C-alpha cells in the first residue's frame, strides 16, 4: 500500500495581521506552519504504515521554504517528501 498525503504551508493564525487599508493578509513577519489538518492526515497515514506496512509519501506545492512542512512530515515518520515548485 502506498499512501500519498498532501501537506501545505499556511500562516500561523495565532499571529495573523490584516492591513487596515487593503484588508489583506500582511505576510511579512508572519511565521508559517504546517496546516494542522494536514499534520493529522500524516499521523493517520503513519498509523496505517505501522499497522499494514504502507509506504507514506508527503507532497507539497509551494516555494522552497515549503520544504519545512515536508521535513516535519518526514520527522513524523513519512518515508518520502516531494516538493513541487516553479522556482
N, C-alpha and C. Protein backbone atom coordinates (compact mmCIF):
# COMPACT_ATOMS: atom_id res chain seq x y z
N UNK A 1 0.85 -1.17 0.00
CA UNK A 1 0.00 0.00 0.00
C UNK A 1 0.90 1.24 0.00
N UNK A 2 0.56 2.18 -0.85
CA UNK A 2 1.30 3.44 -0.94
C UNK A 2 0.31 4.56 -0.64
N UNK A 3 0.58 5.32 0.40
CA UNK A 3 -0.30 6.43 0.80
C UNK A 3 0.40 7.74 0.48
N UNK A 4 -0.31 8.62 -0.22
CA UNK A 4 0.20 9.95 -0.53
C UNK A 4 -0.61 10.95 0.27
N UNK A 5 0.08 11.80 1.03
CA UNK A 5 -0.57 12.82 1.85
C UNK A 5 -0.13 14.19 1.35
N UNK A 6 -1.11 15.04 1.05
CA UNK A 6 -0.81 16.42 0.66
C UNK A 6 -0.67 17.27 1.91
N UNK A 7 0.42 18.03 1.98
CA UNK A 7 0.65 18.92 3.12
C UNK A 7 0.90 20.33 2.59
N UNK A 8 0.43 21.31 3.33
CA UNK A 8 0.54 22.69 2.87
C UNK A 8 1.08 23.58 3.98
N UNK A 9 1.90 24.53 3.59
CA UNK A 9 2.42 25.55 4.49
C UNK A 9 1.40 26.69 4.54
N UNK A 10 0.97 27.05 5.76
CA UNK A 10 -0.04 28.10 5.94
C UNK A 10 0.43 29.10 6.99
N UNK A 11 -0.10 30.33 6.97
CA UNK A 11 0.27 31.30 8.00
C UNK A 11 -0.22 30.83 9.37
N UNK A 12 0.58 31.08 10.38
CA UNK A 12 0.19 30.76 11.76
C UNK A 12 -0.94 31.71 12.15
N UNK A 13 -2.14 31.17 12.31
CA UNK A 13 -3.31 32.02 12.55
C UNK A 13 -3.31 32.70 13.91
N UNK A 14 -2.42 32.29 14.78
CA UNK A 14 -2.35 32.98 16.08
C UNK A 14 -1.64 34.32 15.96
N UNK A 15 -0.98 34.55 14.80
CA UNK A 15 -0.23 35.79 14.63
C UNK A 15 -0.59 36.50 13.33
N UNK A 16 -1.82 36.32 12.86
CA UNK A 16 -2.25 36.94 11.61
C UNK A 16 -2.52 38.42 11.83
N UNK A 17 -2.08 39.22 10.86
CA UNK A 17 -2.34 40.66 10.88
C UNK A 17 -2.98 41.03 9.55
N UNK A 18 -3.96 41.92 9.60
CA UNK A 18 -4.65 42.39 8.41
C UNK A 18 -4.31 43.86 8.19
N UNK A 19 -3.94 44.19 6.96
CA UNK A 19 -3.66 45.58 6.60
C UNK A 19 -4.99 46.33 6.59
N UNK A 20 -5.12 47.38 7.44
CA UNK A 20 -6.40 48.09 7.52
C UNK A 20 -6.77 48.85 6.26
N UNK A 21 -5.79 49.17 5.43
CA UNK A 21 -6.06 49.92 4.21
C UNK A 21 -6.55 48.99 3.09
N UNK A 22 -5.85 47.87 2.91
CA UNK A 22 -6.18 46.97 1.80
C UNK A 22 -7.05 45.78 2.22
N UNK A 23 -7.19 45.59 3.54
CA UNK A 23 -7.93 44.43 4.07
C UNK A 23 -7.37 43.10 3.58
N UNK A 24 -6.06 43.05 3.42
CA UNK A 24 -5.40 41.82 3.00
C UNK A 24 -4.44 41.35 4.09
N UNK A 25 -4.10 40.09 4.02
CA UNK A 25 -3.18 39.50 4.97
C UNK A 25 -1.79 40.10 4.82
N UNK A 26 -1.19 40.52 5.94
CA UNK A 26 0.19 41.00 5.94
C UNK A 26 1.07 39.77 6.12
N UNK A 27 1.81 39.40 5.08
CA UNK A 27 2.62 38.19 5.12
C UNK A 27 4.01 38.40 5.71
N UNK A 28 4.50 39.63 5.69
CA UNK A 28 5.83 39.91 6.21
C UNK A 28 5.84 39.68 7.72
N UNK A 29 6.79 38.88 8.16
CA UNK A 29 6.97 38.65 9.58
C UNK A 29 6.01 37.63 10.18
N UNK A 30 5.09 37.09 9.40
CA UNK A 30 4.16 36.09 9.90
C UNK A 30 4.79 34.71 9.73
N UNK A 31 4.92 33.95 10.81
CA UNK A 31 5.50 32.61 10.67
C UNK A 31 4.54 31.67 9.96
N UNK A 32 5.10 30.73 9.22
CA UNK A 32 4.29 29.74 8.53
C UNK A 32 4.46 28.39 9.20
N UNK A 33 3.39 27.62 9.24
CA UNK A 33 3.38 26.30 9.87
C UNK A 33 2.74 25.30 8.92
N UNK A 34 2.83 24.04 9.27
CA UNK A 34 2.09 23.01 8.53
C UNK A 34 0.62 23.13 8.90
N UNK A 35 -0.25 23.08 7.91
CA UNK A 35 -1.68 23.09 8.17
C UNK A 35 -1.98 21.99 9.20
N UNK A 36 -2.60 22.34 10.33
CA UNK A 36 -2.85 21.34 11.37
C UNK A 36 -3.64 20.12 10.89
N UNK A 37 -4.58 20.32 9.99
CA UNK A 37 -5.35 19.19 9.46
C UNK A 37 -4.45 18.26 8.63
N UNK A 38 -3.48 18.84 7.96
CA UNK A 38 -2.53 18.03 7.18
C UNK A 38 -1.64 17.21 8.11
N UNK A 39 -1.27 17.80 9.25
CA UNK A 39 -0.49 17.05 10.24
C UNK A 39 -1.29 15.85 10.72
N UNK A 40 -2.59 16.05 10.97
CA UNK A 40 -3.45 14.93 11.37
C UNK A 40 -3.46 13.84 10.30
N UNK A 41 -3.51 14.24 9.04
CA UNK A 41 -3.52 13.26 7.94
C UNK A 41 -2.22 12.47 7.89
N UNK A 42 -1.09 13.16 8.10
CA UNK A 42 0.20 12.46 8.12
C UNK A 42 0.23 11.47 9.27
N UNK A 43 -0.24 11.89 10.44
CA UNK A 43 -0.24 10.99 11.60
C UNK A 43 -1.09 9.74 11.33
N UNK A 44 -2.24 9.93 10.69
CA UNK A 44 -3.10 8.78 10.36
C UNK A 44 -2.41 7.87 9.35
N UNK A 45 -1.74 8.46 8.37
CA UNK A 45 -1.01 7.65 7.39
C UNK A 45 0.09 6.84 8.07
N UNK A 46 0.74 7.42 9.06
CA UNK A 46 1.79 6.70 9.79
C UNK A 46 1.19 5.54 10.57
N UNK A 47 -0.02 5.72 11.10
CA UNK A 47 -0.69 4.61 11.79
C UNK A 47 -0.93 3.45 10.81
N UNK A 48 -1.36 3.77 9.59
CA UNK A 48 -1.54 2.74 8.56
C UNK A 48 -0.20 2.09 8.22
N UNK A 49 0.83 2.91 8.16
CA UNK A 49 2.18 2.38 7.87
C UNK A 49 2.58 1.36 8.93
N UNK A 50 2.38 1.73 10.19
CA UNK A 50 2.77 0.85 11.28
C UNK A 50 1.92 -0.42 11.31
N UNK A 51 0.65 -0.30 11.00
CA UNK A 51 -0.27 -1.43 11.09
C UNK A 51 -0.19 -2.36 9.88
N UNK A 52 -0.07 -1.78 8.68
CA UNK A 52 -0.17 -2.58 7.47
C UNK A 52 1.09 -2.58 6.59
N UNK A 53 2.11 -1.88 7.02
CA UNK A 53 3.35 -1.84 6.24
C UNK A 53 3.27 -0.93 5.04
N UNK A 54 2.47 0.11 5.11
CA UNK A 54 2.31 1.04 3.99
C UNK A 54 3.57 1.89 3.82
N UNK A 55 3.71 2.45 2.64
CA UNK A 55 4.77 3.41 2.32
C UNK A 55 4.10 4.77 2.23
N UNK A 56 4.63 5.77 2.94
CA UNK A 56 3.98 7.08 3.03
C UNK A 56 4.82 8.14 2.32
N UNK A 57 4.20 8.83 1.37
CA UNK A 57 4.82 9.95 0.68
C UNK A 57 4.06 11.21 1.03
N UNK A 58 4.77 12.24 1.47
CA UNK A 58 4.18 13.56 1.70
C UNK A 58 4.54 14.43 0.51
N UNK A 59 3.56 15.16 0.01
CA UNK A 59 3.79 16.01 -1.15
C UNK A 59 3.25 17.41 -0.86
N UNK A 60 4.00 18.42 -1.28
CA UNK A 60 3.58 19.80 -1.08
C UNK A 60 3.92 20.61 -2.32
N UNK A 61 3.18 21.69 -2.50
CA UNK A 61 3.44 22.60 -3.61
C UNK A 61 3.65 23.99 -3.02
N UNK A 62 4.71 24.66 -3.45
CA UNK A 62 4.97 26.00 -2.94
C UNK A 62 6.41 26.41 -3.18
N UNK A 63 6.81 27.50 -2.53
CA UNK A 63 8.18 27.99 -2.68
C UNK A 63 9.15 27.06 -1.96
N UNK A 64 10.45 27.26 -2.17
CA UNK A 64 11.44 26.41 -1.49
C UNK A 64 11.27 26.36 0.03
N UNK A 65 10.74 27.41 0.63
CA UNK A 65 10.53 27.41 2.09
C UNK A 65 9.52 26.36 2.52
N UNK A 66 8.69 25.88 1.59
CA UNK A 66 7.70 24.85 1.92
C UNK A 66 8.37 23.52 2.24
N UNK A 67 9.66 23.44 2.01
CA UNK A 67 10.40 22.22 2.36
C UNK A 67 10.27 21.92 3.85
N UNK A 68 10.06 22.94 4.66
CA UNK A 68 9.94 22.74 6.11
C UNK A 68 8.75 21.85 6.47
N UNK A 69 7.64 21.96 5.74
CA UNK A 69 6.48 21.11 6.05
C UNK A 69 6.77 19.66 5.67
N UNK A 70 7.58 19.47 4.64
CA UNK A 70 7.96 18.11 4.27
C UNK A 70 8.92 17.52 5.30
N UNK A 71 9.82 18.33 5.81
CA UNK A 71 10.73 17.85 6.85
C UNK A 71 9.96 17.42 8.09
N UNK A 72 8.90 18.17 8.41
CA UNK A 72 8.06 17.80 9.56
C UNK A 72 7.37 16.46 9.30
N UNK A 73 6.85 16.28 8.09
CA UNK A 73 6.20 15.01 7.75
C UNK A 73 7.19 13.85 7.85
N UNK A 74 8.41 14.08 7.39
CA UNK A 74 9.44 13.04 7.49
C UNK A 74 9.77 12.75 8.95
N UNK A 75 9.82 13.80 9.77
CA UNK A 75 10.10 13.62 11.19
C UNK A 75 8.99 12.81 11.88
N UNK A 76 7.77 12.96 11.39
CA UNK A 76 6.65 12.21 11.95
C UNK A 76 6.67 10.74 11.52
N UNK A 77 7.42 10.45 10.44
CA UNK A 77 7.54 9.06 10.01
C UNK A 77 7.27 8.79 8.55
N UNK A 78 6.98 9.82 7.76
CA UNK A 78 6.79 9.61 6.32
C UNK A 78 8.08 9.08 5.71
N UNK A 79 7.95 8.29 4.66
CA UNK A 79 9.12 7.69 4.02
C UNK A 79 9.76 8.59 2.98
N UNK A 80 8.97 9.50 2.42
CA UNK A 80 9.46 10.31 1.31
C UNK A 80 8.73 11.65 1.31
N UNK A 81 9.42 12.69 0.86
CA UNK A 81 8.80 14.00 0.72
C UNK A 81 9.09 14.55 -0.66
N UNK A 82 8.06 15.11 -1.30
CA UNK A 82 8.22 15.67 -2.65
C UNK A 82 7.70 17.10 -2.64
N UNK A 83 8.53 18.03 -3.13
CA UNK A 83 8.14 19.44 -3.24
C UNK A 83 7.97 19.79 -4.70
N UNK A 84 6.79 20.27 -5.06
CA UNK A 84 6.53 20.78 -6.40
C UNK A 84 6.67 22.28 -6.36
N UNK A 85 7.55 22.84 -7.19
CA UNK A 85 7.79 24.27 -7.16
C UNK A 85 8.18 24.75 -8.56
N UNK A 86 7.79 25.97 -8.87
CA UNK A 86 8.19 26.53 -10.16
C UNK A 86 9.43 27.40 -10.01
N UNK A 87 10.05 27.36 -8.85
CA UNK A 87 11.25 28.17 -8.61
C UNK A 87 12.47 27.31 -8.49
